[in-house]
Amino acid sequence: MKQGDLIVLAFPYANLTQSKWRPAVVLSNERYNLHANILLAGIYSKEQPFSVSIDNKDIVHGELRKQSYVGLQNIFSADKSILRGPAGALNTRKMKEILAAVKKCL
């Protein structure tokens, strides 16, 4: 997995009782990913308080069904074995925008 890859995983609900297959973007870089779980941010169809919009012009390969948002309020790590993908990738410009937005949250 590479930074900016779009993947799919069984995303748990907040109460951890169920999950739903959802897309996410890889935030961590390749060096980090070799030695640890992958850092991810979920992709949602609705804008959230801390989110960055993405659409198909931001995608190098693959596509989104509609305007989407990378949610930064729930950054999480996941074991590589539970990830499906990559199903696409964000372009460098959009990935820099997302990482700058993450930095503002820290």
C-alpha atoms as a PDB file:
ATOM      1  CA  MET A   1       0.000   0.000   0.000  1.00  0.00           C
ATOM      2  CA  LYS A   2       1.141   3.497  -0.832  1.00  0.00           C
ATOM      3  CA  GLN A   3       0.203   6.896   0.520  1.00  0.00           C
ATOM      4  CA  GLY A   4      -2.817   8.167  -1.405  1.00  0.00           C
ATOM      5  CA  ASP A   5      -4.114   4.709  -2.331  1.00  0.00           C
ATOM      6  CA  LEU A   6      -7.862   4.219  -2.092  1.00  0.00           C
ATOM      7  CA  ILE A   7      -8.758   0.953  -0.386  1.00  0.00           C
ATOM      8  CA  VAL A   8     -11.871  -0.786   0.915  1.00  0.00           C
ATOM      9  CA  LEU A   9     -12.304  -2.369   4.340  1.00  0.00           C
ATOM     10  CA  ALA A  10     -14.982  -3.509   6.768  1.00  0.00           C
ATOM     11  CA  PHE A  11     -15.379  -0.221   8.636  1.00  0.00           C
ATOM     12  CA  PRO A  12     -16.780  -0.626  12.178  1.00  0.00           C
ATOM     13  CA  TYR A  13     -19.663   1.476  13.430  1.00  0.00           C
ATOM     14  CA  ALA A  14     -18.859   3.701  16.429  1.00  0.00           C
ATOM     15  CA  ASN A  15     -20.462   1.194  18.837  1.00  0.00           C
ATOM     16  CA  LEU A  16     -18.315  -1.632  17.344  1.00  0.00           C
ATOM     17  CA  THR A  17     -21.332  -3.974  17.052  1.00  0.00           C
ATOM     18  CA  GLN A  18     -21.396  -4.058  13.222  1.00  0.00           C
ATOM     19  CA  SER A  19     -19.354  -3.005  10.240  1.00  0.00           C
ATOM     20  CA  LYS A  20     -19.935  -1.819   6.690  1.00  0.00           C
ATOM     21  CA  TRP A  21     -17.665  -2.043   3.626  1.00  0.00           C
ATOM     22  CA  ARG A  22     -16.361   1.485   3.036  1.00  0.00           C
ATOM     23  CA  PRO A  23     -13.584   3.194   1.111  1.00  0.00           C
ATOM     24  CA  ALA A  24     -10.664   4.869   2.855  1.00  0.00           C
ATOM     25  CA  VAL A  25      -7.477   6.663   1.837  1.00  0.00           C
ATOM     26  CA  VAL A  26      -3.995   5.611   2.996  1.00  0.00           C
ATOM     27  CA  LEU A  27      -2.392   8.480   4.955  1.00  0.00           C
ATOM     28  CA  SER A  28       0.856   6.806   6.016  1.00  0.00           C
ATOM     29  CA  ASN A  29       3.863   6.662   3.720  1.00  0.00           C
ATOM     30  CA  GLU A  30       5.463   3.551   2.240  1.00  0.00           C
ATOM     31  CA  ARG A  31       8.358   3.470   4.734  1.00  0.00           C
ATOM     32  CA  TYR A  32       5.944   3.515   7.676  1.00  0.00           C
ATOM     33  CA  ASN A  33       3.673   0.942   6.026  1.00  0.00           C
ATOM     34  CA  LEU A  34       6.495  -1.608   5.790  1.00  0.00           C
ATOM     35  CA  HIS A  35       6.782  -1.792   9.585  1.00  0.00           C
ATOM     36  CA  ALA A  36       3.371  -0.992  11.059  1.00  0.00           C
ATOM     37  CA  ASN A  37      -0.366  -1.004  10.544  1.00  0.00           C
ATOM     38  CA  ILE A  38      -1.594   1.330   7.789  1.00  0.00           C
ATOM     39  CA  LEU A  39      -2.916   4.768   8.863  1.00  0.00           C
ATOM     40  CA  LEU A  40      -6.248   5.499   7.166  1.00  0.00           C
ATOM     41  CA  ALA A  41      -8.998   8.087   6.912  1.00  0.00           C
ATOM     42  CA  GLY A  42     -12.511   7.053   5.930  1.00  0.00           C
ATOM     43  CA  ILE A  43     -14.238   8.380   2.820  1.00  0.00           C
ATOM     44  CA  TYR A  44     -17.835   9.530   3.268  1.00  0.00           C
ATOM     45  CA  SER A  45     -20.641  10.799   1.034  1.00  0.00           C
ATOM     46  CA  LYS A  46     -21.530  13.622   3.446  1.00  0.00           C
ATOM     47  CA  GLU A  47     -19.310  16.497   4.499  1.00  0.00           C
ATOM     48  CA  GLN A  48     -18.148  16.315   8.088  1.00  0.00           C
ATOM     49  CA  PRO A  49     -16.690  18.970  10.440  1.00  0.00           C
ATOM     50  CA  PHE A  50     -13.079  18.018   9.627  1.00  0.00           C
ATOM     51  CA  SER A  51     -13.055  16.787   6.060  1.00  0.00           C
ATOM     52  CA  VAL A  52     -11.560  17.411   2.621  1.00  0.00           C
ATOM     53  CA  SER A  53     -13.707  17.067  -0.487  1.00  0.00           C
ATOM     54  CA  ILE A  54     -12.625  14.727  -3.275  1.00  0.00           C
ATOM     55  CA  ASP A  55     -14.101  13.911  -6.664  1.00  0.00           C
ATOM     56  CA  ASN A  56     -13.014  12.125  -9.821  1.00  0.00           C
ATOM     57  CA  LYS A  57     -10.733  14.959 -10.947  1.00  0.00           C
ATOM     58  CA  ASP A  58      -8.619  14.185  -7.840  1.00  0.00           C
ATOM     59  CA  ILE A  59      -8.240  10.497  -8.765  1.00  0.00           C
ATOM     60  CA  VAL A  60      -5.259   9.218 -10.788  1.00  0.00           C
ATOM     61  CA  HIS A  61      -6.906   5.860 -11.477  1.00  0.00           C
ATOM     62  CA  GLY A  62     -10.188   4.372 -10.287  1.00  0.00           C
ATOM     63  CA  GLU A  63     -13.304   6.432  -9.719  1.00  0.00           C
ATOM     64  CA  LEU A  64     -15.820   7.573  -7.135  1.00  0.00           C
ATOM     65  CA  ARG A  65     -19.566   7.200  -7.596  1.00  0.00           C
ATOM     66  CA  LYS A  66     -20.132  10.777  -6.418  1.00  0.00           C
ATOM     67  CA  GLN A  67     -18.607  13.771  -4.661  1.00  0.00           C
ATOM     68  CA  SER A  68     -17.024  12.446  -1.452  1.00  0.00           C
ATOM     69  CA  TYR A  69     -15.194  13.626   1.655  1.00  0.00           C
ATOM     70  CA  VAL A  70     -12.103  12.321   3.416  1.00  0.00           C
ATOM     71  CA  GLY A  71     -13.071  12.473   7.100  1.00  0.00           C
ATOM     72  CA  LEU A  72     -10.236  13.502   9.406  1.00  0.00           C
ATOM     73  CA  GLN A  73     -12.139  13.143  12.679  1.00  0.00           C
ATOM     74  CA  ASN A  74     -11.646   9.348  12.661  1.00  0.00           C
ATOM     75  CA  ILE A  75      -8.085   8.615  11.585  1.00  0.00           C
ATOM     76  CA  PHE A  76      -7.277   5.025  12.483  1.00  0.00           C
ATOM     77  CA  SER A  77      -4.819   2.204  11.877  1.00  0.00           C
ATOM     78  CA  ALA A  78      -5.612  -1.169  10.359  1.00  0.00           C
ATOM     79  CA  ASP A  79      -3.694  -4.355   9.703  1.00  0.00           C
ATOM     80  CA  LYS A  80      -2.790  -4.790   6.032  1.00  0.00           C
ATOM     81  CA  SER A  81      -4.482  -8.196   5.956  1.00  0.00           C
ATOM     82  CA  ILE A  82      -8.009  -6.722   6.280  1.00  0.00           C
ATOM     83  CA  LEU A  83      -7.630  -4.198   3.438  1.00  0.00           C
ATOM     84  CA  ARG A  84      -8.910  -4.705  -0.102  1.00  0.00           C
ATOM     85  CA  GLY A  85      -7.222  -2.752  -2.815  1.00  0.00           C
ATOM     86  CA  PRO A  86      -5.878  -0.505  -3.943  1.00  0.00           C
ATOM     87  CA  ALA A  87      -9.052   0.455  -5.805  1.00  0.00           C
ATOM     88  CA  GLY A  88      -7.567   3.728  -7.041  1.00  0.00           C
ATOM     89  CA  ALA A  89      -5.270   6.537  -5.970  1.00  0.00           C
ATOM     90  CA  LEU A  90      -5.460  10.253  -5.272  1.00  0.00           C
ATOM     91  CA  ASN A  91      -3.247  12.659  -7.199  1.00  0.00           C
ATOM     92  CA  THR A  92      -0.294  14.303  -5.456  1.00  0.00           C
ATOM     93  CA  ARG A  93      -1.948  17.726  -5.211  1.00  0.00           C
ATOM     94  CA  LYS A  94      -5.027  16.376  -3.382  1.00  0.00           C
ATOM     95  CA  MET A  95      -2.911  14.184  -1.101  1.00  0.00           C
ATOM     96  CA  LYS A  96      -0.842  17.233  -0.066  1.00  0.00           C
ATOM     97  CA  GLU A  97      -4.079  19.094   0.693  1.00  0.00           C
ATOM     98  CA  ILE A  98      -5.309  16.220   2.881  1.00  0.00           C
ATOM     99  CA  LEU A  99      -2.011  15.925   4.775  1.00  0.00           C
ATOM    100  CA  ALA A 100      -1.996  19.715   5.372  1.00  0.00           C
ATOM    101  CA  ALA A 101      -5.537  19.445   6.775  1.00  0.00           C
ATOM    102  CA  VAL A 102      -4.424  16.570   9.059  1.00  0.00           C
ATOM    103  CA  LYS A 103      -1.570  18.738  10.336  1.00  0.00           C
ATOM    104  CA  LYS A 104      -4.039  21.512  11.236  1.00  0.00           C
ATOM    105  CA  CYS A 105      -5.917  19.014  13.414  1.00  0.00           C
ATOM    106  CA  LEU A 106      -2.846  18.120  15.488  1.00  0.00           C
END
